[in-house]
Amino acid sequence: MRTRHLFLATLLSFFAIATPVLAQQFPTIASKDLNERAVTLPQDFAANRSLLFIAFEQEQQTDVNTWLPFAEQLEQNGQAKFYELPVLPSALRLAGGFIQNGMRSGIPSQATRAKTITLYTNVSRFRANLGLGPTNQIYAVVIDRTGKVLAVESGAYSEAKAQKLRAAL
């Protein structure tokens, strides 16, 4: 009996080691940017590498803003394009026009509006697809052209976090 348990434990550990870990992937989502341009993500991200700032609550914009000088520098250097992605539950899609108009009125820049894409989706599934933790913080995520997640950092900007993201570019 003991030998059988040992054999079973060995067999299970072999499969745990031999089974490849699935890469985190940005799901296909249709939406609109704040200029009302229809997009399908991740296909419509306009670079080989994209830096995504994912927020779940309006108050998290303060943390997103701490990353913007870094993101603008990456974009100017041609290393990555960046986008802000407010992620809201699918049920709020019915109020989407009201939400979009509210955000649009607070962002006068056409260029910034083009980089802001609200996603109405199953938030739990979205977080699982990208390997994100709880919704009480923002995430800076680097993806490739296909939507494969290359790096994730959470919370406000720090130089250490920025270095980790830079390494994924």
N, C-alpha and C. Protein backbone atom coordinates (compact mmCIF):
# COMPACT_ATOMS: atom_id res chain seq x y z
N MET A 1 0.83 -1.19 0.00
CA MET A 1 0.00 0.00 0.00
C MET A 1 0.88 1.26 0.00
N ARG A 2 1.89 1.28 0.85
CA ARG A 2 2.78 2.42 0.93
C ARG A 2 3.53 2.61 -0.39
N THR A 3 3.94 1.54 -1.03
CA THR A 3 4.64 1.60 -2.31
C THR A 3 3.74 2.19 -3.37
N ARG A 4 2.48 1.81 -3.33
CA ARG A 4 1.53 2.34 -4.30
C ARG A 4 1.34 3.85 -4.15
N HIS A 5 1.28 4.33 -2.90
CA HIS A 5 1.15 5.76 -2.66
C HIS A 5 2.40 6.51 -3.13
N LEU A 6 3.54 5.92 -2.88
CA LEU A 6 4.79 6.52 -3.31
C LEU A 6 4.86 6.59 -4.83
N PHE A 7 4.45 5.50 -5.49
CA PHE A 7 4.42 5.47 -6.96
C PHE A 7 3.47 6.53 -7.49
N LEU A 8 2.28 6.62 -6.90
CA LEU A 8 1.28 7.59 -7.33
C LEU A 8 1.79 9.02 -7.13
N ALA A 9 2.42 9.29 -6.00
CA ALA A 9 2.97 10.63 -5.73
C ALA A 9 4.06 10.97 -6.74
N THR A 10 4.91 9.99 -7.06
CA THR A 10 5.97 10.21 -8.03
C THR A 10 5.39 10.49 -9.41
N LEU A 11 4.40 9.71 -9.79
CA LEU A 11 3.75 9.89 -11.08
C LEU A 11 3.10 11.26 -11.18
N LEU A 12 2.39 11.67 -10.13
CA LEU A 12 1.74 12.98 -10.15
C LEU A 12 2.76 14.11 -10.21
N SER A 13 3.87 13.99 -9.49
CA SER A 13 4.88 15.05 -9.55
C SER A 13 5.53 15.12 -10.92
N PHE A 14 5.66 13.97 -11.60
CA PHE A 14 6.20 13.98 -12.96
C PHE A 14 5.30 14.77 -13.89
N PHE A 15 3.98 14.54 -13.79
CA PHE A 15 3.06 15.27 -14.66
C PHE A 15 3.02 16.76 -14.31
N ALA A 16 3.17 17.09 -13.05
CA ALA A 16 3.20 18.50 -12.66
C ALA A 16 4.41 19.20 -13.27
N ILE A 17 5.53 18.50 -13.33
CA ILE A 17 6.74 19.09 -13.91
C ILE A 17 6.66 19.08 -15.43
N ALA A 18 6.12 18.02 -16.02
CA ALA A 18 6.10 17.86 -17.47
C ALA A 18 5.03 18.70 -18.15
N THR A 19 4.00 19.10 -17.41
CA THR A 19 2.92 19.88 -18.00
C THR A 19 3.36 21.33 -18.15
N PRO A 20 3.36 21.86 -19.37
CA PRO A 20 3.79 23.25 -19.55
C PRO A 20 2.80 24.21 -18.92
N VAL A 21 3.31 25.29 -18.38
CA VAL A 21 2.45 26.33 -17.82
C VAL A 21 1.90 27.13 -19.00
N LEU A 22 0.60 27.33 -19.00
CA LEU A 22 -0.01 28.08 -20.08
C LEU A 22 0.36 29.55 -19.95
N ALA A 23 0.75 30.15 -21.04
CA ALA A 23 1.09 31.57 -21.05
C ALA A 23 -0.17 32.40 -20.84
N GLN A 24 -0.03 33.48 -20.11
CA GLN A 24 -1.14 34.40 -19.91
C GLN A 24 -1.37 35.13 -21.23
N GLN A 25 -2.62 35.37 -21.54
CA GLN A 25 -2.98 35.90 -22.86
C GLN A 25 -4.06 36.96 -22.73
N PHE A 26 -3.87 38.08 -23.44
CA PHE A 26 -4.91 39.10 -23.51
C PHE A 26 -6.06 38.53 -24.33
N PRO A 27 -7.28 38.53 -23.79
CA PRO A 27 -8.41 37.96 -24.53
C PRO A 27 -8.87 38.89 -25.67
N THR A 28 -9.53 38.33 -26.64
CA THR A 28 -10.09 39.14 -27.73
C THR A 28 -11.32 39.87 -27.21
N ILE A 29 -11.29 41.20 -27.31
CA ILE A 29 -12.39 42.03 -26.83
C ILE A 29 -12.64 43.15 -27.85
N ALA A 30 -13.91 43.33 -28.21
CA ALA A 30 -14.31 44.45 -29.08
C ALA A 30 -14.75 45.60 -28.19
N SER A 31 -14.31 46.80 -28.54
CA SER A 31 -14.66 47.98 -27.75
C SER A 31 -14.51 49.22 -28.62
N LYS A 32 -14.46 50.38 -27.97
CA LYS A 32 -14.22 51.66 -28.65
C LYS A 32 -13.29 52.48 -27.79
N ASP A 33 -12.44 53.27 -28.46
CA ASP A 33 -11.62 54.22 -27.69
C ASP A 33 -12.50 55.44 -27.39
N LEU A 34 -11.96 56.39 -26.67
CA LEU A 34 -12.77 57.56 -26.29
C LEU A 34 -13.03 58.51 -27.45
N ASN A 35 -12.43 58.27 -28.61
CA ASN A 35 -12.78 59.01 -29.82
C ASN A 35 -13.89 58.29 -30.60
N GLU A 36 -14.43 57.23 -30.01
CA GLU A 36 -15.50 56.42 -30.60
C GLU A 36 -15.04 55.54 -31.76
N ARG A 37 -13.74 55.33 -31.89
CA ARG A 37 -13.21 54.44 -32.93
C ARG A 37 -13.32 53.01 -32.44
N ALA A 38 -13.95 52.15 -33.24
CA ALA A 38 -14.10 50.75 -32.88
C ALA A 38 -12.74 50.05 -32.94
N VAL A 39 -12.47 49.21 -31.94
CA VAL A 39 -11.23 48.45 -31.90
C VAL A 39 -11.53 47.01 -31.49
N THR A 40 -10.69 46.12 -31.94
CA THR A 40 -10.70 44.74 -31.47
C THR A 40 -9.32 44.48 -30.91
N LEU A 41 -9.29 44.16 -29.65
CA LEU A 41 -8.02 43.95 -28.96
C LEU A 41 -7.79 42.45 -28.75
N PRO A 42 -6.57 41.99 -28.81
CA PRO A 42 -5.31 42.72 -28.90
C PRO A 42 -4.87 43.05 -30.33
N GLN A 43 -5.62 42.62 -31.33
CA GLN A 43 -5.20 42.81 -32.73
C GLN A 43 -4.93 44.26 -33.08
N ASP A 44 -5.69 45.19 -32.53
CA ASP A 44 -5.56 46.59 -32.91
C ASP A 44 -4.56 47.39 -32.08
N PHE A 45 -3.85 46.74 -31.17
CA PHE A 45 -2.75 47.44 -30.52
C PHE A 45 -1.69 47.66 -31.59
N ALA A 46 -1.19 48.88 -31.69
CA ALA A 46 -0.41 49.30 -32.86
C ALA A 46 1.10 49.16 -32.71
N ALA A 47 1.58 48.10 -32.07
CA ALA A 47 3.03 47.95 -31.92
C ALA A 47 3.39 46.49 -31.65
N ASN A 48 4.66 46.18 -31.83
CA ASN A 48 5.14 44.84 -31.48
C ASN A 48 5.06 44.61 -29.98
N ARG A 49 5.25 45.68 -29.21
CA ARG A 49 5.11 45.63 -27.76
C ARG A 49 4.18 46.75 -27.33
N SER A 50 3.25 46.41 -26.46
CA SER A 50 2.34 47.42 -25.90
C SER A 50 2.42 47.38 -24.39
N LEU A 51 2.36 48.56 -23.79
CA LEU A 51 2.32 48.70 -22.35
C LEU A 51 0.91 49.13 -21.98
N LEU A 52 0.25 48.31 -21.22
CA LEU A 52 -1.15 48.54 -20.87
C LEU A 52 -1.26 48.92 -19.40
N PHE A 53 -2.02 49.95 -19.12
CA PHE A 53 -2.31 50.32 -17.75
C PHE A 53 -3.76 49.96 -17.48
N ILE A 54 -3.95 48.98 -16.65
CA ILE A 54 -5.27 48.42 -16.39
C ILE A 54 -5.74 48.88 -15.02
N ALA A 55 -6.90 49.55 -15.02
CA ALA A 55 -7.49 50.06 -13.77
C ALA A 55 -8.93 49.58 -13.68
N PHE A 56 -9.42 49.45 -12.45
CA PHE A 56 -10.76 48.93 -12.22
C PHE A 56 -11.69 49.94 -11.55
N GLU A 57 -11.11 51.04 -11.04
CA GLU A 57 -11.89 52.06 -10.35
C GLU A 57 -11.36 53.44 -10.75
N GLN A 58 -12.24 54.42 -10.77
CA GLN A 58 -11.86 55.77 -11.19
C GLN A 58 -10.74 56.33 -10.31
N GLU A 59 -10.77 56.04 -9.02
CA GLU A 59 -9.76 56.56 -8.10
C GLU A 59 -8.35 56.05 -8.42
N GLN A 60 -8.24 54.99 -9.18
CA GLN A 60 -6.94 54.41 -9.51
C GLN A 60 -6.21 55.21 -10.59
N GLN A 61 -6.88 56.20 -11.17
CA GLN A 61 -6.23 57.03 -12.20
C GLN A 61 -4.98 57.70 -11.64
N THR A 62 -4.99 58.03 -10.36
CA THR A 62 -3.82 58.65 -9.73
C THR A 62 -2.59 57.75 -9.86
N ASP A 63 -2.76 56.45 -9.63
CA ASP A 63 -1.64 55.51 -9.78
C ASP A 63 -1.24 55.36 -11.24
N VAL A 64 -2.22 55.34 -12.14
CA VAL A 64 -1.89 55.26 -13.57
C VAL A 64 -1.04 56.46 -13.96
N ASN A 65 -1.41 57.64 -13.49
CA ASN A 65 -0.68 58.86 -13.85
C ASN A 65 0.78 58.82 -13.43
N THR A 66 1.11 58.07 -12.37
CA THR A 66 2.52 57.99 -11.94
C THR A 66 3.38 57.29 -12.99
N TRP A 67 2.76 56.46 -13.84
CA TRP A 67 3.48 55.71 -14.87
C TRP A 67 3.64 56.49 -16.18
N LEU A 68 2.87 57.53 -16.40
CA LEU A 68 2.81 58.17 -17.71
C LEU A 68 4.14 58.74 -18.20
N PRO A 69 4.95 59.41 -17.38
CA PRO A 69 6.25 59.88 -17.92
C PRO A 69 7.10 58.71 -18.44
N PHE A 70 7.12 57.61 -17.73
CA PHE A 70 7.85 56.41 -18.17
C PHE A 70 7.29 55.91 -19.50
N ALA A 71 5.96 55.80 -19.59
CA ALA A 71 5.31 55.29 -20.80
C ALA A 71 5.56 56.22 -21.99
N GLU A 72 5.48 57.52 -21.77
CA GLU A 72 5.73 58.48 -22.85
C GLU A 72 7.16 58.39 -23.35
N GLN A 73 8.10 58.18 -22.44
CA GLN A 73 9.50 58.02 -22.84
C GLN A 73 9.68 56.76 -23.68
N LEU A 74 9.07 55.65 -23.28
CA LEU A 74 9.16 54.42 -24.07
C LEU A 74 8.59 54.63 -25.46
N GLU A 75 7.48 55.33 -25.54
CA GLU A 75 6.84 55.56 -26.82
C GLU A 75 7.70 56.47 -27.70
N GLN A 76 8.27 57.51 -27.14
CA GLN A 76 9.13 58.42 -27.90
C GLN A 76 10.37 57.69 -28.42
N ASN A 77 10.86 56.72 -27.66
CA ASN A 77 12.03 55.95 -28.07
C ASN A 77 11.67 54.79 -29.00
N GLY A 78 10.39 54.63 -29.31
CA GLY A 78 9.95 53.56 -30.20
C GLY A 78 10.00 52.17 -29.58
N GLN A 79 10.02 52.09 -28.25
CA GLN A 79 10.11 50.79 -27.59
C GLN A 79 8.75 50.14 -27.39
N ALA A 80 7.70 50.93 -27.22
CA ALA A 80 6.36 50.39 -26.99
C ALA A 80 5.34 51.50 -27.14
N LYS A 81 4.13 51.12 -27.49
CA LYS A 81 2.98 52.01 -27.43
C LYS A 81 2.29 51.75 -26.10
N PHE A 82 1.65 52.77 -25.55
CA PHE A 82 0.93 52.53 -24.29
C PHE A 82 -0.54 52.89 -24.42
N TYR A 83 -1.33 52.22 -23.59
CA TYR A 83 -2.78 52.41 -23.59
C TYR A 83 -3.28 52.35 -22.15
N GLU A 84 -4.34 53.10 -21.89
CA GLU A 84 -5.03 53.03 -20.60
C GLU A 84 -6.32 52.24 -20.82
N LEU A 85 -6.51 51.22 -19.99
CA LEU A 85 -7.66 50.35 -20.14
C LEU A 85 -8.47 50.29 -18.85
N PRO A 86 -9.48 51.16 -18.72
CA PRO A 86 -10.41 50.98 -17.60
C PRO A 86 -11.21 49.70 -17.86
N VAL A 87 -11.26 48.81 -16.88
CA VAL A 87 -11.96 47.53 -17.04
C VAL A 87 -13.16 47.54 -16.11
N LEU A 88 -14.34 47.38 -16.72
CA LEU A 88 -15.60 47.43 -15.97
C LEU A 88 -16.41 46.16 -16.23
N PRO A 89 -17.29 45.81 -15.28
CA PRO A 89 -18.12 44.62 -15.47
C PRO A 89 -19.04 44.76 -16.69
N SER A 90 -19.29 43.65 -17.34
CA SER A 90 -20.15 43.60 -18.53
C SER A 90 -21.49 44.28 -18.29
N ALA A 91 -22.04 44.13 -17.09
CA ALA A 91 -23.36 44.70 -16.78
C ALA A 91 -23.39 46.21 -16.95
N LEU A 92 -22.26 46.87 -16.83
CA LEU A 92 -22.22 48.34 -16.98
C LEU A 92 -22.23 48.79 -18.44
N ARG A 93 -22.19 47.85 -19.36
CA ARG A 93 -22.22 48.20 -20.79
C ARG A 93 -23.49 49.00 -21.11
N LEU A 94 -24.58 48.71 -20.43
CA LEU A 94 -25.83 49.43 -20.66
C LEU A 94 -25.68 50.92 -20.37
N ALA A 95 -24.82 51.25 -19.42
CA ALA A 95 -24.55 52.65 -19.08
C ALA A 95 -23.29 53.14 -19.77
N GLY A 96 -22.79 52.39 -20.73
CA GLY A 96 -21.53 52.69 -21.40
C GLY A 96 -21.47 54.07 -22.02
N GLY A 97 -22.53 54.50 -22.67
CA GLY A 97 -22.54 55.83 -23.29
C GLY A 97 -22.34 56.93 -22.26
N PHE A 98 -23.03 56.80 -21.15
CA PHE A 98 -22.91 57.77 -20.07
C PHE A 98 -21.49 57.77 -19.50
N ILE A 99 -20.95 56.56 -19.27
CA ILE A 99 -19.59 56.42 -18.73
C ILE A 99 -18.57 56.99 -19.71
N GLN A 100 -18.70 56.62 -20.98
CA GLN A 100 -17.75 57.11 -22.00
C GLN A 100 -17.79 58.63 -22.11
N ASN A 101 -19.00 59.20 -22.12
CA ASN A 101 -19.12 60.65 -22.22
C ASN A 101 -18.48 61.34 -21.02
N GLY A 102 -18.65 60.77 -19.84
CA GLY A 102 -18.04 61.33 -18.64
C GLY A 102 -16.52 61.32 -18.73
N MET A 103 -15.97 60.20 -19.18
CA MET A 103 -14.51 60.13 -19.33
C MET A 103 -14.02 61.06 -20.43
N ARG A 104 -14.74 61.08 -21.54
CA ARG A 104 -14.35 61.91 -22.68
C ARG A 104 -14.34 63.39 -22.28
N SER A 105 -15.32 63.81 -21.50
CA SER A 105 -15.38 65.23 -21.10
C SER A 105 -14.20 65.61 -20.22
N GLY A 106 -13.60 64.67 -19.53
CA GLY A 106 -12.45 64.96 -18.68
C GLY A 106 -11.12 64.86 -19.40
N ILE A 107 -11.15 64.44 -20.68
CA ILE A 107 -9.91 64.27 -21.44
C ILE A 107 -10.03 65.06 -22.74
N PRO A 108 -9.52 66.28 -22.79
CA PRO A 108 -9.66 67.09 -24.01
C PRO A 108 -8.77 66.63 -25.17
N SER A 109 -7.66 65.97 -24.86
CA SER A 109 -6.70 65.58 -25.90
C SER A 109 -7.20 64.41 -26.74
N GLN A 110 -7.27 64.60 -28.07
CA GLN A 110 -7.66 63.53 -29.00
C GLN A 110 -6.69 62.36 -28.91
N ALA A 111 -5.39 62.66 -28.76
CA ALA A 111 -4.38 61.60 -28.69
C ALA A 111 -4.57 60.75 -27.43
N THR A 112 -4.86 61.38 -26.31
CA THR A 112 -5.09 60.63 -25.07
C THR A 112 -6.38 59.83 -25.17
N ARG A 113 -7.40 60.39 -25.79
CA ARG A 113 -8.65 59.66 -25.98
C ARG A 113 -8.44 58.41 -26.83
N ALA A 114 -7.56 58.51 -27.82
CA ALA A 114 -7.29 57.36 -28.69
C ALA A 114 -6.57 56.25 -27.94
N LYS A 115 -5.89 56.59 -26.84
CA LYS A 115 -5.15 55.61 -26.05
C LYS A 115 -5.96 55.08 -24.87
N THR A 116 -7.19 55.57 -24.71
CA THR A 116 -8.03 55.15 -23.59
C THR A 116 -9.19 54.32 -24.14
N ILE A 117 -9.21 53.06 -23.75
CA ILE A 117 -10.19 52.10 -24.27
C ILE A 117 -10.86 51.41 -23.09
N THR A 118 -12.13 51.69 -22.91
CA THR A 118 -12.88 51.07 -21.82
C THR A 118 -13.30 49.67 -22.23
N LEU A 119 -13.03 48.70 -21.35
CA LEU A 119 -13.39 47.32 -21.62
C LEU A 119 -14.53 46.91 -20.70
N TYR A 120 -15.63 46.49 -21.29
CA TYR A 120 -16.77 45.96 -20.54
C TYR A 120 -16.70 44.45 -20.71
N THR A 121 -16.39 43.76 -19.62
CA THR A 121 -16.13 42.33 -19.74
C THR A 121 -16.35 41.63 -18.40
N ASN A 122 -16.22 40.33 -18.41
CA ASN A 122 -16.22 39.56 -17.18
C ASN A 122 -14.88 39.83 -16.50
N VAL A 123 -14.90 40.63 -15.46
CA VAL A 123 -13.67 41.11 -14.83
C VAL A 123 -12.84 39.95 -14.26
N SER A 124 -13.49 39.00 -13.62
CA SER A 124 -12.76 37.87 -13.04
C SER A 124 -12.05 37.06 -14.11
N ARG A 125 -12.73 36.77 -15.19
CA ARG A 125 -12.12 36.01 -16.28
C ARG A 125 -10.99 36.80 -16.94
N PHE A 126 -11.21 38.10 -17.13
CA PHE A 126 -10.18 38.96 -17.71
C PHE A 126 -8.92 38.93 -16.84
N ARG A 127 -9.09 39.10 -15.54
CA ARG A 127 -7.94 39.08 -14.62
C ARG A 127 -7.24 37.73 -14.68
N ALA A 128 -7.99 36.66 -14.74
CA ALA A 128 -7.39 35.32 -14.80
C ALA A 128 -6.60 35.14 -16.10
N ASN A 129 -7.16 35.61 -17.22
CA ASN A 129 -6.46 35.50 -18.52
C ASN A 129 -5.11 36.18 -18.50
N LEU A 130 -5.02 37.32 -17.82
CA LEU A 130 -3.78 38.08 -17.80
C LEU A 130 -2.90 37.77 -16.59
N GLY A 131 -3.41 36.97 -15.66
CA GLY A 131 -2.64 36.65 -14.46
C GLY A 131 -2.59 37.80 -13.47
N LEU A 132 -3.66 38.58 -13.40
CA LEU A 132 -3.70 39.74 -12.51
C LEU A 132 -4.31 39.36 -11.16
N GLY A 133 -3.90 40.08 -10.14
CA GLY A 133 -4.42 39.88 -8.80
C GLY A 133 -5.72 40.65 -8.58
N PRO A 134 -5.93 41.10 -7.35
CA PRO A 134 -7.19 41.77 -7.00
C PRO A 134 -7.39 43.10 -7.72
N THR A 135 -8.62 43.57 -7.71
CA THR A 135 -8.98 44.80 -8.41
C THR A 135 -8.72 46.06 -7.60
N ASN A 136 -8.12 45.94 -6.43
CA ASN A 136 -7.88 47.12 -5.60
C ASN A 136 -6.58 47.83 -5.95
N GLN A 137 -5.96 47.43 -7.07
CA GLN A 137 -4.74 48.10 -7.54
C GLN A 137 -4.71 48.07 -9.06
N ILE A 138 -3.85 48.93 -9.62
CA ILE A 138 -3.69 48.95 -11.08
C ILE A 138 -2.60 47.97 -11.47
N TYR A 139 -2.54 47.69 -12.77
CA TYR A 139 -1.51 46.81 -13.30
C TYR A 139 -0.90 47.44 -14.55
N ALA A 140 0.41 47.36 -14.63
CA ALA A 140 1.15 47.74 -15.83
C ALA A 140 1.55 46.42 -16.48
N VAL A 141 1.09 46.20 -17.71
CA VAL A 141 1.26 44.91 -18.37
C VAL A 141 1.92 45.12 -19.73
N VAL A 142 2.96 44.37 -20.00
CA VAL A 142 3.60 44.39 -21.32
C VAL A 142 3.11 43.16 -22.07
N ILE A 143 2.61 43.39 -23.31
CA ILE A 143 2.19 42.28 -24.16
C ILE A 143 2.89 42.39 -25.52
N ASP A 144 2.95 41.27 -26.21
CA ASP A 144 3.48 41.30 -27.57
C ASP A 144 2.34 41.49 -28.56
N ARG A 145 2.64 41.48 -29.84
CA ARG A 145 1.65 41.74 -30.90
C ARG A 145 0.47 40.76 -30.84
N THR A 146 0.71 39.52 -30.39
CA THR A 146 -0.34 38.50 -30.34
C THR A 146 -1.16 38.57 -29.06
N GLY A 147 -0.74 39.39 -28.10
CA GLY A 147 -1.46 39.50 -26.84
C GLY A 147 -0.86 38.67 -25.71
N LYS A 148 0.25 38.00 -25.98
CA LYS A 148 0.90 37.22 -24.93
C LYS A 148 1.47 38.16 -23.88
N VAL A 149 1.20 37.86 -22.63
CA VAL A 149 1.69 38.67 -21.52
C VAL A 149 3.16 38.37 -21.29
N LEU A 150 3.97 39.43 -21.33
CA LEU A 150 5.42 39.28 -21.15
C LEU A 150 5.89 39.73 -19.76
N ALA A 151 5.15 40.64 -19.14
CA ALA A 151 5.51 41.13 -17.81
C ALA A 151 4.32 41.83 -17.18
N VAL A 152 4.24 41.77 -15.86
CA VAL A 152 3.18 42.43 -15.11
C VAL A 152 3.77 43.04 -13.85
N GLU A 153 3.40 44.28 -13.57
CA GLU A 153 3.73 44.94 -12.31
C GLU A 153 2.45 45.58 -11.80
N SER A 154 2.32 45.67 -10.49
CA SER A 154 1.11 46.25 -9.90
C SER A 154 1.44 47.50 -9.10
N GLY A 155 0.43 48.36 -8.97
CA GLY A 155 0.57 49.55 -8.15
C GLY A 155 1.23 50.72 -8.87
N ALA A 156 1.50 51.74 -8.09
CA ALA A 156 2.10 52.98 -8.61
C ALA A 156 3.52 52.72 -9.12
N TYR A 157 3.99 53.64 -9.94
CA TYR A 157 5.32 53.56 -10.54
C TYR A 157 6.42 53.50 -9.48
N SER A 158 7.42 52.71 -9.78
CA SER A 158 8.70 52.76 -9.07
C SER A 158 9.77 52.42 -10.10
N GLU A 159 10.97 52.87 -9.87
CA GLU A 159 12.05 52.59 -10.82
C GLU A 159 12.31 51.09 -10.92
N ALA A 160 12.21 50.37 -9.81
CA ALA A 160 12.43 48.91 -9.84
C ALA A 160 11.40 48.22 -10.72
N LYS A 161 10.14 48.64 -10.60
CA LYS A 161 9.08 48.06 -11.44
C LYS A 161 9.31 48.40 -12.91
N ALA A 162 9.70 49.64 -13.16
CA ALA A 162 9.95 50.08 -14.53
C ALA A 162 11.08 49.26 -15.16
N GLN A 163 12.11 48.96 -14.41
CA GLN A 163 13.23 48.17 -14.93
C GLN A 163 12.77 46.78 -15.32
N LYS A 164 11.89 46.18 -14.53
CA LYS A 164 11.37 44.84 -14.86
C LYS A 164 10.56 44.88 -16.16
N LEU A 165 9.77 45.92 -16.33
CA LEU A 165 8.99 46.04 -17.57
C LEU A 165 9.90 46.31 -18.76
N ARG A 166 10.89 47.16 -18.57
CA ARG A 166 11.84 47.46 -19.64
C ARG A 166 12.53 46.17 -20.13
N ALA A 167 12.84 45.29 -19.21
CA ALA A 167 13.52 44.02 -19.56
C ALA A 167 12.64 43.16 -20.46
N ALA A 168 11.33 43.32 -20.38
CA ALA A 168 10.40 42.52 -21.20
C ALA A 168 10.20 43.11 -22.59
N LEU A 169 10.69 44.32 -22.80
CA LEU A 169 10.49 44.96 -24.10
C LEU A 169 11.51 44.44 -25.09
